[in-house]
C-alpha atoms as a PDB file:
ATOM      1  CA  MET A   1      -6.231   7.292  29.440  1.00  0.00           C
ATOM      2  CA  ASP A   2      -8.027  10.458  28.515  1.00  0.00           C
ATOM      3  CA  HIS A   3      -8.947  10.888  24.847  1.00  0.00           C
ATOM      4  CA  SER A   4      -6.902  14.094  24.495  1.00  0.00           C
ATOM      5  CA  LEU A   5      -3.783  12.319  25.789  1.00  0.00           C
ATOM      6  CA  LYS A   6      -4.252   9.496  23.294  1.00  0.00           C
ATOM      7  CA  ARG A   7      -4.716  11.982  20.479  1.00  0.00           C
ATOM      8  CA  ARG A   8      -1.602  13.914  21.502  1.00  0.00           C
ATOM      9  CA  LYS A   9       0.487  10.727  21.737  1.00  0.00           C
ATOM     10  CA  ARG A  10      -0.772   9.570  18.336  1.00  0.00           C
ATOM     11  CA  ALA A  11       0.047  12.984  16.817  1.00  0.00           C
ATOM     12  CA  ARG A  12       3.601  12.878  18.250  1.00  0.00           C
ATOM     13  CA  LEU A  13       4.166   9.406  16.852  1.00  0.00           C
ATOM     14  CA  GLY A  14       2.795  10.544  13.485  1.00  0.00           C
ATOM     15  CA  ARG A  15       5.280  13.432  13.363  1.00  0.00           C
ATOM     16  CA  VAL A  16       8.168  11.094  14.182  1.00  0.00           C
ATOM     17  CA  MET A  17       7.177   8.565  11.531  1.00  0.00           C
ATOM     18  CA  ARG A  18       6.535  11.244   8.912  1.00  0.00           C
ATOM     19  CA  VAL A  19      10.111  12.489   9.300  1.00  0.00           C
ATOM     20  CA  ARG A  20      11.759   9.108   9.842  1.00  0.00           C
ATOM     21  CA  GLY A  21       9.896   7.401   7.004  1.00  0.00           C
ATOM     22  CA  GLN A  22      11.776   9.502   4.477  1.00  0.00           C
ATOM     23  CA  ILE A  23      15.292   8.953   5.811  1.00  0.00           C
ATOM     24  CA  ARG A  24      17.422   5.895   6.418  1.00  0.00           C
ATOM     25  CA  GLY A  25      20.927   5.540   7.795  1.00  0.00           C
ATOM     26  CA  THR A  26      23.559   3.177   6.420  1.00  0.00           C
ATOM     27  CA  ALA A  27      27.027   2.194   7.604  1.00  0.00           C
ATOM     28  CA  LEU A  28      28.628   4.771   5.294  1.00  0.00           C
ATOM     29  CA  LYS A  29      26.026   7.483   5.904  1.00  0.00           C
ATOM     30  CA  PRO A  30      24.390   6.931   9.298  1.00  0.00           C
ATOM     31  CA  ARG A  31      21.372   8.728  10.698  1.00  0.00           C
ATOM     32  CA  LEU A  32      22.114  11.504  13.197  1.00  0.00           C
ATOM     33  CA  SER A  33      19.123  11.233  15.495  1.00  0.00           C
ATOM     34  CA  VAL A  34      18.451  14.081  17.927  1.00  0.00           C
ATOM     35  CA  TYR A  35      16.133  13.910  20.921  1.00  0.00           C
ATOM     36  CA  LYS A  36      15.402  16.542  23.522  1.00  0.00           C
ATOM     37  CA  SER A  37      13.433  16.300  26.706  1.00  0.00           C
ATOM     38  CA  ASN A  38      12.494  19.090  29.093  1.00  0.00           C
ATOM     39  CA  SER A  39      15.865  18.805  30.837  1.00  0.00           C
ATOM     40  CA  HIS A  40      18.336  17.136  28.479  1.00  0.00           C
ATOM     41  CA  ILE A  41      19.392  16.743  24.853  1.00  0.00           C
ATOM     42  CA  TYR A  42      20.865  13.665  23.159  1.00  0.00           C
ATOM     43  CA  ALA A  43      22.417  12.803  19.770  1.00  0.00           C
ATOM     44  CA  GLN A  44      23.096   9.351  18.293  1.00  0.00           C
ATOM     45  CA  LEU A  45      24.629   7.984  15.104  1.00  0.00           C
ATOM     46  CA  ILE A  46      22.503   5.047  13.959  1.00  0.00           C
ATOM     47  CA  ASP A  47      23.066   2.465  11.224  1.00  0.00           C
ATOM     48  CA  ASP A  48      19.544   1.365  10.264  1.00  0.00           C
ATOM     49  CA  ASP A  49      20.704  -1.427   7.926  1.00  0.00           C
ATOM     50  CA  ASN A  50      22.514  -3.327  10.695  1.00  0.00           C
ATOM     51  CA  GLN A  51      20.292  -1.905  13.457  1.00  0.00           C
ATOM     52  CA  ILE A  52      23.186  -0.691  15.602  1.00  0.00           C
ATOM     53  CA  THR A  53      24.096   2.547  17.319  1.00  0.00           C
ATOM     54  CA  ILE A  54      27.533   3.675  16.172  1.00  0.00           C
ATOM     55  CA  GLY A  55      27.951   6.327  18.849  1.00  0.00           C
ATOM     56  CA  GLY A  56      26.046   8.706  20.998  1.00  0.00           C
ATOM     57  CA  ILE A  57      26.357  11.513  23.489  1.00  0.00           C
ATOM     58  CA  GLY A  58      24.021  13.552  25.614  1.00  0.00           C
ATOM     59  CA  THR A  59      23.868  15.905  28.517  1.00  0.00           C
ATOM     60  CA  LEU A  60      23.542  12.883  30.816  1.00  0.00           C
ATOM     61  CA  SER A  61      26.762  11.261  29.531  1.00  0.00           C
ATOM     62  CA  LYS A  62      29.517  10.648  32.071  1.00  0.00           C
ATOM     63  CA  GLN A  63      31.842  13.196  30.521  1.00  0.00           C
ATOM     64  CA  ASN A  64      29.193  15.927  30.797  1.00  0.00           C
ATOM     65  CA  GLN A  65      27.862  15.190  34.286  1.00  0.00           C
ATOM     66  CA  LYS A  66      30.189  17.423  36.274  1.00  0.00           C
ATOM     67  CA  THR A  67      30.421  20.231  33.702  1.00  0.00           C
ATOM     68  CA  GLU A  68      28.245  23.166  32.721  1.00  0.00           C
ATOM     69  CA  HIS A  69      26.871  21.047  29.842  1.00  0.00           C
ATOM     70  CA  ASN A  70      24.797  18.756  32.069  1.00  0.00           C
ATOM     71  CA  ARG A  71      21.455  20.487  31.359  1.00  0.00           C
ATOM     72  CA  LYS A  72      19.669  21.430  28.134  1.00  0.00           C
ATOM     73  CA  SER A  73      20.780  24.821  26.847  1.00  0.00           C
ATOM     74  CA  SER A  74      22.132  26.373  23.677  1.00  0.00           C
ATOM     75  CA  ASP A  75      25.700  26.023  24.969  1.00  0.00           C
ATOM     76  CA  ALA A  76      25.104  22.366  25.815  1.00  0.00           C
ATOM     77  CA  ALA A  77      23.571  21.765  22.361  1.00  0.00           C
ATOM     78  CA  ARG A  78      26.610  23.371  20.714  1.00  0.00           C
ATOM     79  CA  HIS A  79      28.896  21.142  22.804  1.00  0.00           C
ATOM     80  CA  ILE A  80      26.889  17.996  21.962  1.00  0.00           C
ATOM     81  CA  GLY A  81      27.029  18.888  18.247  1.00  0.00           C
ATOM     82  CA  THR A  82      30.808  19.216  18.228  1.00  0.00           C
ATOM     83  CA  GLU A  83      31.239  16.045  20.307  1.00  0.00           C
ATOM     84  CA  ILE A  84      29.031  13.952  18.001  1.00  0.00           C
ATOM     85  CA  ALA A  85      31.034  15.252  15.030  1.00  0.00           C
ATOM     86  CA  GLN A  86      34.256  14.171  16.744  1.00  0.00           C
ATOM     87  CA  ILE A  87      32.794  10.729  17.426  1.00  0.00           C
ATOM     88  CA  ALA A  88      31.843  10.463  13.752  1.00  0.00           C
ATOM     89  CA  LYS A  89      35.329  11.503  12.625  1.00  0.00           C
ATOM     90  CA  GLN A  90      36.877   8.855  14.883  1.00  0.00           C
ATOM     91  CA  LYS A  91      34.715   6.266  13.085  1.00  0.00           C
ATOM     92  CA  ASN A  92      35.717   7.708   9.645  1.00  0.00           C
ATOM     93  CA  ILE A  93      32.217   9.071   8.980  1.00  0.00           C
ATOM     94  CA  LEU A  94      32.026  12.355   7.091  1.00  0.00           C
ATOM     95  CA  THR A  95      28.398  12.524   5.942  1.00  0.00           C
ATOM     96  CA  VAL A  96      25.217  11.795   7.878  1.00  0.00           C
ATOM     97  CA  VAL A  97      21.457  12.029   7.430  1.00  0.00           C
ATOM     98  CA  PHE A  98      19.912  14.402   9.977  1.00  0.00           C
ATOM     99  CA  ASP A  99      16.865  13.113  11.866  1.00  0.00           C
ATOM    100  CA  ARG A 100      15.166  15.832  13.879  1.00  0.00           C
ATOM    101  CA  GLY A 101      12.461  13.448  15.095  1.00  0.00           C
ATOM    102  CA  ARG A 102       9.260  15.183  16.115  1.00  0.00           C
ATOM    103  CA  PHE A 103      11.000  18.464  16.874  1.00  0.00           C
ATOM    104  CA  LYS A 104      11.096  21.543  14.662  1.00  0.00           C
ATOM    105  CA  PHE A 105      14.455  22.565  13.243  1.00  0.00           C
ATOM    106  CA  HIS A 106      14.583  25.512  15.606  1.00  0.00           C
ATOM    107  CA  GLY A 107      16.298  26.519  18.834  1.00  0.00           C
ATOM    108  CA  THR A 108      18.538  23.919  20.451  1.00  0.00           C
ATOM    109  CA  ILE A 109      18.045  21.427  17.589  1.00  0.00           C
ATOM    110  CA  ALA A 110      19.282  23.987  15.048  1.00  0.00           C
ATOM    111  CA  VAL A 111      22.203  24.972  17.288  1.00  0.00           C
ATOM    112  CA  LEU A 112      23.252  21.318  17.607  1.00  0.00           C
ATOM    113  CA  ALA A 113      23.005  20.765  13.852  1.00  0.00           C
ATOM    114  CA  ASN A 114      24.967  23.910  13.003  1.00  0.00           C
ATOM    115  CA  ALA A 115      27.698  23.001  15.510  1.00  0.00           C
ATOM    116  CA  ALA A 116      27.993  19.533  13.958  1.00  0.00           C
ATOM    117  CA  ARG A 117      28.291  21.147  10.508  1.00  0.00           C
ATOM    118  CA  GLU A 118      30.958  23.557  11.714  1.00  0.00           C
ATOM    119  CA  ALA A 119      32.889  20.645  13.249  1.00  0.00           C
ATOM    120  CA  GLY A 120      33.043  18.915   9.849  1.00  0.00           C
ATOM    121  CA  LEU A 121      29.939  16.752   9.400  1.00  0.00           C
ATOM    122  CA  GLN A 122      28.104  17.104   6.097  1.00  0.00           C
ATOM    123  CA  PHE A 123      24.320  16.848   5.803  1.00  0.00           C
END
């Protein structure tokens, strides 16, 4: 592997660990982890104490495959934010810890977070 690729991979991992090292999800207040790729966006509720995923949704989920929310966009991020808030409400979760991962709180990540807040999640 080229040295620049190793450096870039190490820098990405450092950004993830810098953010994730400060936050921790519990059963009462899980971690809302957001990941985006070039084509899709995903959100998960994670309980770090028991090491389980409480719920998750993304643009590749079955319910989004045949809709206009099957690719990464601001509308899809807004939809994913409201859906993850509904999943949390079904599990009686009102507050979460937001984990943006290695991504800046900007663009589709911010749209997803604001939609989750508007749908009733507190963080």
